[in-house]
């Protein structure tokens, strides 16, 4: 019960790594809002687990404001924010990615961190504490070819994590990131371009521990970094990647 009596928002919480974080936070005693653009899936997981659901477009200022106010109304405060929502473009040469694809990747992966900070950091400052966890990627540390703008968006997220940590430390707000390697999530096929045994084998050959990241891996790492056990840890981008970035 490391998160007992804590309140948390997990964006992109209806599936994949986000759902793993939601389940772990609930098991550790937190009250959790599953915030996802897929409202029906968010509500289904909430009904199953006892969390609450909020449909949100993390790239929209008005939608993030509505999410924040809904969380305050439900919980009274926001102790933990997990910026997990993310998308990618399909593997292709960097000059072939369309402007529309580029804008959407940067809006969901980068602008969302700005928007959630804009609305939730003032609440945390008022409460004199809080934790923000950004779900970045090994792509921001060791980029894969033909995913250039996705790589760049996750590198931005890692730098933002460190910058936020420095600025918010005097207010008792910790900011960290986790860097998963590719996992069994809805984005896996998008990263690989196609899902075949041969392509999977090539991906796995780059991971020393020989397996993909799982939602449970992300939940365990997130629960630690968002708990009081990590009270002296801020500005870290922790790789949960089976050794890929060694």
Protein backbone atom coordinates (compact mmCIF):
# COMPACT_ATOMS: atom_id res chain seq x y z
CA UNK A 1 0.00 0.00 0.00
CA UNK A 2 2.77 2.42 -0.96
CA UNK A 3 0.26 4.86 -2.49
CA UNK A 4 -2.38 4.62 0.22
CA UNK A 5 -4.54 7.77 0.36
CA UNK A 6 -2.86 9.20 -2.73
CA UNK A 7 -4.84 10.47 -5.72
CA UNK A 8 -3.60 10.03 -9.28
CA UNK A 9 -4.41 10.86 -12.89
CA UNK A 10 -3.04 8.47 -15.53
CA UNK A 11 -3.40 9.76 -19.09
CA UNK A 12 -3.67 7.12 -21.76
CA UNK A 13 -4.70 4.88 -18.90
CA UNK A 14 -7.24 2.70 -20.70
CA UNK A 15 -4.78 0.35 -22.41
CA UNK A 16 -1.17 -0.77 -22.69
CA UNK A 17 1.39 0.64 -20.27
CA UNK A 18 -1.17 3.08 -18.90
CA UNK A 19 -3.54 0.29 -17.88
CA UNK A 20 -0.63 -1.48 -16.16
CA UNK A 21 0.11 1.68 -14.18
CA UNK A 22 -3.57 2.10 -13.28
CA UNK A 23 -3.84 -1.46 -11.98
CA UNK A 24 -0.64 -1.18 -9.93
CA UNK A 25 -1.60 2.18 -8.43
CA UNK A 26 -4.97 0.80 -7.38
CA UNK A 27 -3.30 -2.27 -5.83
CA UNK A 28 -1.02 0.10 -3.90
CA UNK A 29 -4.01 1.98 -2.43
CA UNK A 30 -4.36 5.02 -4.69
CA UNK A 31 -7.55 6.58 -6.00
CA UNK A 32 -7.11 6.75 -9.77
CA UNK A 33 -8.62 8.65 -12.68
CA UNK A 34 -8.23 6.85 -16.01
CA UNK A 35 -7.96 9.72 -18.50
CA UNK A 36 -8.08 8.59 -22.11
CA UNK A 37 -9.27 9.77 -25.51
CA UNK A 38 -11.01 6.38 -25.80
CA UNK A 39 -13.91 7.04 -23.46
CA UNK A 40 -15.61 3.64 -23.75
CA UNK A 41 -12.41 1.73 -22.93
CA UNK A 42 -11.66 4.08 -20.03
CA UNK A 43 -15.13 3.55 -18.61
CA UNK A 44 -14.88 -0.22 -19.06
CA UNK A 45 -11.58 -0.42 -17.17
CA UNK A 46 -12.91 1.91 -14.50
CA UNK A 47 -15.97 -0.30 -14.01
CA UNK A 48 -13.73 -3.35 -13.74
CA UNK A 49 -11.21 -1.88 -11.31
CA UNK A 50 -13.03 0.71 -9.22
CA UNK A 51 -11.22 3.70 -10.73
CA UNK A 52 -13.02 6.66 -12.28
CA UNK A 53 -12.94 7.51 -15.98
CA UNK A 54 -12.53 10.77 -17.84
CA UNK A 55 -12.54 11.19 -21.60
CA UNK A 56 -9.77 13.62 -22.55
CA UNK A 57 -7.80 14.85 -25.55
CA UNK A 58 -4.43 15.66 -23.98
CA UNK A 59 -3.55 17.89 -26.94
CA UNK A 60 -6.51 20.21 -26.18
CA UNK A 61 -6.21 22.92 -23.54
CA UNK A 62 -9.96 22.96 -22.88
CA UNK A 63 -10.10 19.17 -22.52
CA UNK A 64 -7.14 19.07 -20.11
CA UNK A 65 -8.76 21.84 -18.06
CA UNK A 66 -11.97 19.82 -17.89
CA UNK A 67 -10.01 16.73 -16.81
CA UNK A 68 -8.25 18.68 -14.06
CA UNK A 69 -11.46 20.11 -12.66
CA UNK A 70 -13.12 16.68 -12.76
CA UNK A 71 -10.25 15.22 -10.74
CA UNK A 72 -10.40 18.01 -8.17
CA UNK A 73 -14.16 17.55 -7.92
CA UNK A 74 -13.79 13.79 -7.41
CA UNK A 75 -10.71 13.68 -5.18
CA UNK A 76 -10.27 17.14 -3.69
CA UNK A 77 -6.62 17.22 -4.78
CA UNK A 78 -4.16 15.73 -7.28
CA UNK A 79 -1.13 14.06 -5.70
CA UNK A 80 0.22 12.24 -8.76
CA UNK A 81 0.09 12.95 -12.49
CA UNK A 82 1.29 10.33 -14.97
CA UNK A 83 1.73 11.69 -18.50
CA UNK A 84 1.48 8.36 -20.30
CA UNK A 85 -0.61 9.19 -23.39
CA UNK A 86 1.49 8.90 -26.52
CA UNK A 87 1.41 8.09 -30.23
CA UNK A 88 3.91 7.49 -33.02
CA UNK A 89 4.12 7.77 -36.76
CA UNK A 90 4.75 4.65 -38.84
CA UNK A 91 8.39 3.80 -39.61
CA UNK A 92 9.43 5.83 -42.65
CA UNK A 93 12.14 8.15 -43.87
CA UNK A 94 12.05 11.38 -41.89
CA UNK A 95 11.30 13.52 -44.96
CA UNK A 96 8.27 11.36 -45.81
CA UNK A 97 6.41 11.98 -42.55
CA UNK A 98 3.54 14.35 -43.34
CA UNK A 99 3.08 17.64 -41.56
CA UNK A 100 -0.20 16.36 -40.15
CA UNK A 101 1.52 13.29 -38.68
CA UNK A 102 4.34 15.42 -37.27
CA UNK A 103 1.95 17.88 -35.64
CA UNK A 104 -0.09 15.11 -34.05
CA UNK A 105 2.96 13.30 -32.63
CA UNK A 106 4.33 16.52 -31.11
CA UNK A 107 0.90 17.56 -29.81
CA UNK A 108 0.20 14.29 -28.02
CA UNK A 109 3.74 13.49 -26.86
CA UNK A 110 5.09 16.97 -26.06
CA UNK A 111 2.38 19.64 -25.94
CA UNK A 112 0.36 17.44 -23.58
CA UNK A 113 3.10 17.69 -20.95
CA UNK A 114 2.92 21.48 -21.18
CA UNK A 115 -0.87 21.49 -20.98
CA UNK A 116 -1.13 19.17 -17.98
CA UNK A 117 1.58 21.19 -16.22
CA UNK A 118 -0.25 24.42 -17.00
CA UNK A 119 -3.39 23.20 -15.28
CA UNK A 120 -2.15 20.80 -12.60
CA UNK A 121 1.12 22.33 -11.35
CA UNK A 122 -0.73 25.29 -9.76
CA UNK A 123 -2.87 22.79 -7.83
CA UNK A 124 0.26 20.98 -6.64
CA UNK A 125 1.91 24.26 -5.64
CA UNK A 126 -1.15 25.13 -3.55
CA UNK A 127 -0.89 21.71 -1.88
CA UNK A 128 2.89 22.20 -1.39
CA UNK A 129 3.77 18.92 -3.04
CA UNK A 130 3.08 16.35 -5.72
CA UNK A 131 4.66 13.96 -8.18
CA UNK A 132 4.72 14.08 -11.97
CA UNK A 133 5.84 11.05 -13.96
CA UNK A 134 6.41 11.31 -17.70
CA UNK A 135 6.38 8.09 -19.72
CA UNK A 136 9.12 8.76 -22.26
CA UNK A 137 11.00 6.04 -24.17
CA UNK A 138 14.36 4.49 -24.89
CA UNK A 139 13.77 6.13 -28.30
CA UNK A 140 14.68 9.43 -26.66
CA UNK A 141 18.05 8.01 -25.56
CA UNK A 142 18.98 5.54 -28.29
CA UNK A 143 16.91 6.40 -31.38
CA UNK A 144 15.76 3.79 -33.86
CA UNK A 145 16.01 4.69 -37.56
CA UNK A 146 12.90 5.75 -39.48
CA UNK A 147 11.15 6.90 -36.30
CA UNK A 148 12.94 10.25 -36.21
CA UNK A 149 10.15 12.57 -35.11
CA UNK A 150 8.82 10.10 -32.55
CA UNK A 151 12.38 9.78 -31.19
CA UNK A 152 12.64 13.56 -31.03
CA UNK A 153 9.34 13.92 -29.17
CA UNK A 154 10.52 11.50 -26.49
CA UNK A 155 13.89 13.24 -26.23
CA UNK A 156 11.93 16.46 -25.67
CA UNK A 157 9.99 14.75 -22.90
CA UNK A 158 13.19 13.66 -21.14
CA UNK A 159 14.62 17.19 -21.28
CA UNK A 160 11.31 18.63 -20.10
CA UNK A 161 11.37 16.21 -17.15
CA UNK A 162 14.75 17.50 -16.01
CA UNK A 163 13.83 21.15 -16.54
CA UNK A 164 10.56 20.74 -14.64
CA UNK A 165 12.35 18.91 -11.81
CA UNK A 166 14.75 21.82 -11.28
CA UNK A 167 12.07 24.47 -11.35
CA UNK A 168 9.51 22.65 -9.21
CA UNK A 169 11.81 21.21 -6.53
CA UNK A 170 11.45 24.28 -4.25
CA UNK A 171 7.70 23.66 -4.21
CA UNK A 172 8.06 20.05 -3.07
CA UNK A 173 7.07 18.69 -6.48
CA UNK A 174 9.13 15.81 -7.89
CA UNK A 175 9.30 15.12 -11.63
CA UNK A 176 10.71 11.91 -13.11
CA UNK A 177 10.40 9.86 -16.29
CA UNK A 178 10.51 6.20 -17.22
CA UNK A 179 11.92 4.97 -20.51
CA UNK A 180 10.33 1.71 -21.62
CA UNK A 181 11.48 -0.28 -24.59
CA UNK A 182 8.82 -1.47 -27.05
CA UNK A 183 6.14 -3.59 -25.39
CA UNK A 184 2.99 -5.58 -25.97
CA UNK A 185 0.81 -2.50 -26.41
CA UNK A 186 -1.37 -1.09 -29.19
CA UNK A 187 1.67 0.89 -30.43
CA UNK A 188 3.93 -2.14 -30.98
CA UNK A 189 2.83 -2.78 -34.56
CA UNK A 190 3.23 0.91 -35.36
CA UNK A 191 6.83 0.88 -34.11
CA UNK A 192 7.71 -2.22 -36.10
CA UNK A 193 5.80 -1.32 -39.26
CA UNK A 194 4.57 -4.91 -39.48
CA UNK A 195 4.10 -7.61 -36.87
CA UNK A 196 5.77 -10.80 -38.05
CA UNK A 197 7.94 -13.36 -36.21
CA UNK A 198 10.97 -12.13 -38.17
CA UNK A 199 10.43 -8.47 -37.29
CA UNK A 200 9.80 -9.35 -33.63
CA UNK A 201 13.01 -11.38 -33.56
CA UNK A 202 14.98 -8.41 -34.89
CA UNK A 203 13.50 -6.13 -32.24
CA UNK A 204 14.14 -8.62 -29.44
CA UNK A 205 17.74 -9.10 -30.56
CA UNK A 206 18.42 -5.50 -29.46
CA UNK A 207 17.16 -6.13 -25.90
CA UNK A 208 19.74 -7.99 -23.75
CA UNK A 209 17.12 -9.50 -21.41
CA UNK A 210 15.36 -10.86 -24.49
CA UNK A 211 11.80 -9.69 -23.98
CA UNK A 212 9.56 -6.68 -24.50
CA UNK A 213 8.52 -4.33 -21.69
CA UNK A 214 5.19 -5.25 -20.12
CA UNK A 215 2.46 -3.12 -18.55
CA UNK A 216 3.37 -4.77 -15.23
CA UNK A 217 6.99 -3.61 -15.61
CA UNK A 218 5.81 -0.04 -16.10
CA UNK A 219 3.38 -0.24 -13.21
CA UNK A 220 6.06 -1.46 -10.82
CA UNK A 221 8.54 1.25 -11.83
CA UNK A 222 5.89 3.97 -11.75
CA UNK A 223 4.60 2.94 -8.32
CA UNK A 224 8.09 3.20 -6.85
CA UNK A 225 8.92 6.57 -8.40
CA UNK A 226 5.56 8.03 -7.36
CA UNK A 227 5.76 6.71 -3.80
CA UNK A 228 7.36 8.30 -0.74
CA UNK A 229 10.08 5.65 -0.98
CA UNK A 230 11.46 7.73 -3.86
CA UNK A 231 11.20 11.04 -2.00
CA UNK A 232 14.85 11.91 -2.78
CA UNK A 233 14.58 11.08 -6.50
CA UNK A 234 13.77 13.82 -8.99
CA UNK A 235 14.90 14.64 -12.53
CA UNK A 236 15.61 10.99 -13.33
CA UNK A 237 14.74 9.28 -16.62
CA UNK A 238 14.85 5.65 -15.53
CA UNK A 239 15.29 3.05 -18.24
CA UNK A 240 12.96 0.06 -17.89
CA UNK A 241 14.29 -1.54 -21.02
CA UNK A 242 15.92 -4.90 -20.36
CA UNK A 243 19.33 -3.35 -21.00
CA UNK A 244 18.67 -1.96 -24.47
CA UNK A 245 20.41 1.37 -23.76
CA UNK A 246 23.59 -0.13 -22.29
